[in-house]
């Protein structure tokens, strides 16, 4: 995953651009739904928990490794996306 962050005109606000999200083991038909769920959950996490310092500086992050996500068989796109977003957000503060 590549994340670029740029400071916007409002202090404490960044705009994230996720250039690529690689999903292994997810049905191709679920790709957009998972991506939408990632976006919603990252937005929620950033609003509730704040912007990690590295993003607040406005620097780009070439690759984010959120580790492995263990899901039960048949997990919904919403559950997968939320899990990905939580793992990514957790890795941004490291």
Foldseek 3Di string as FASTA:
>chain_A
DWWFWADDPDQQDIDIDDPDDDDPPDPPVLVVVLVVLLVVLLVVCCVVPHDAPVRNVRGIDGDFDLDDDDDDPPDHSNVNSNRVNVSRRVRSND
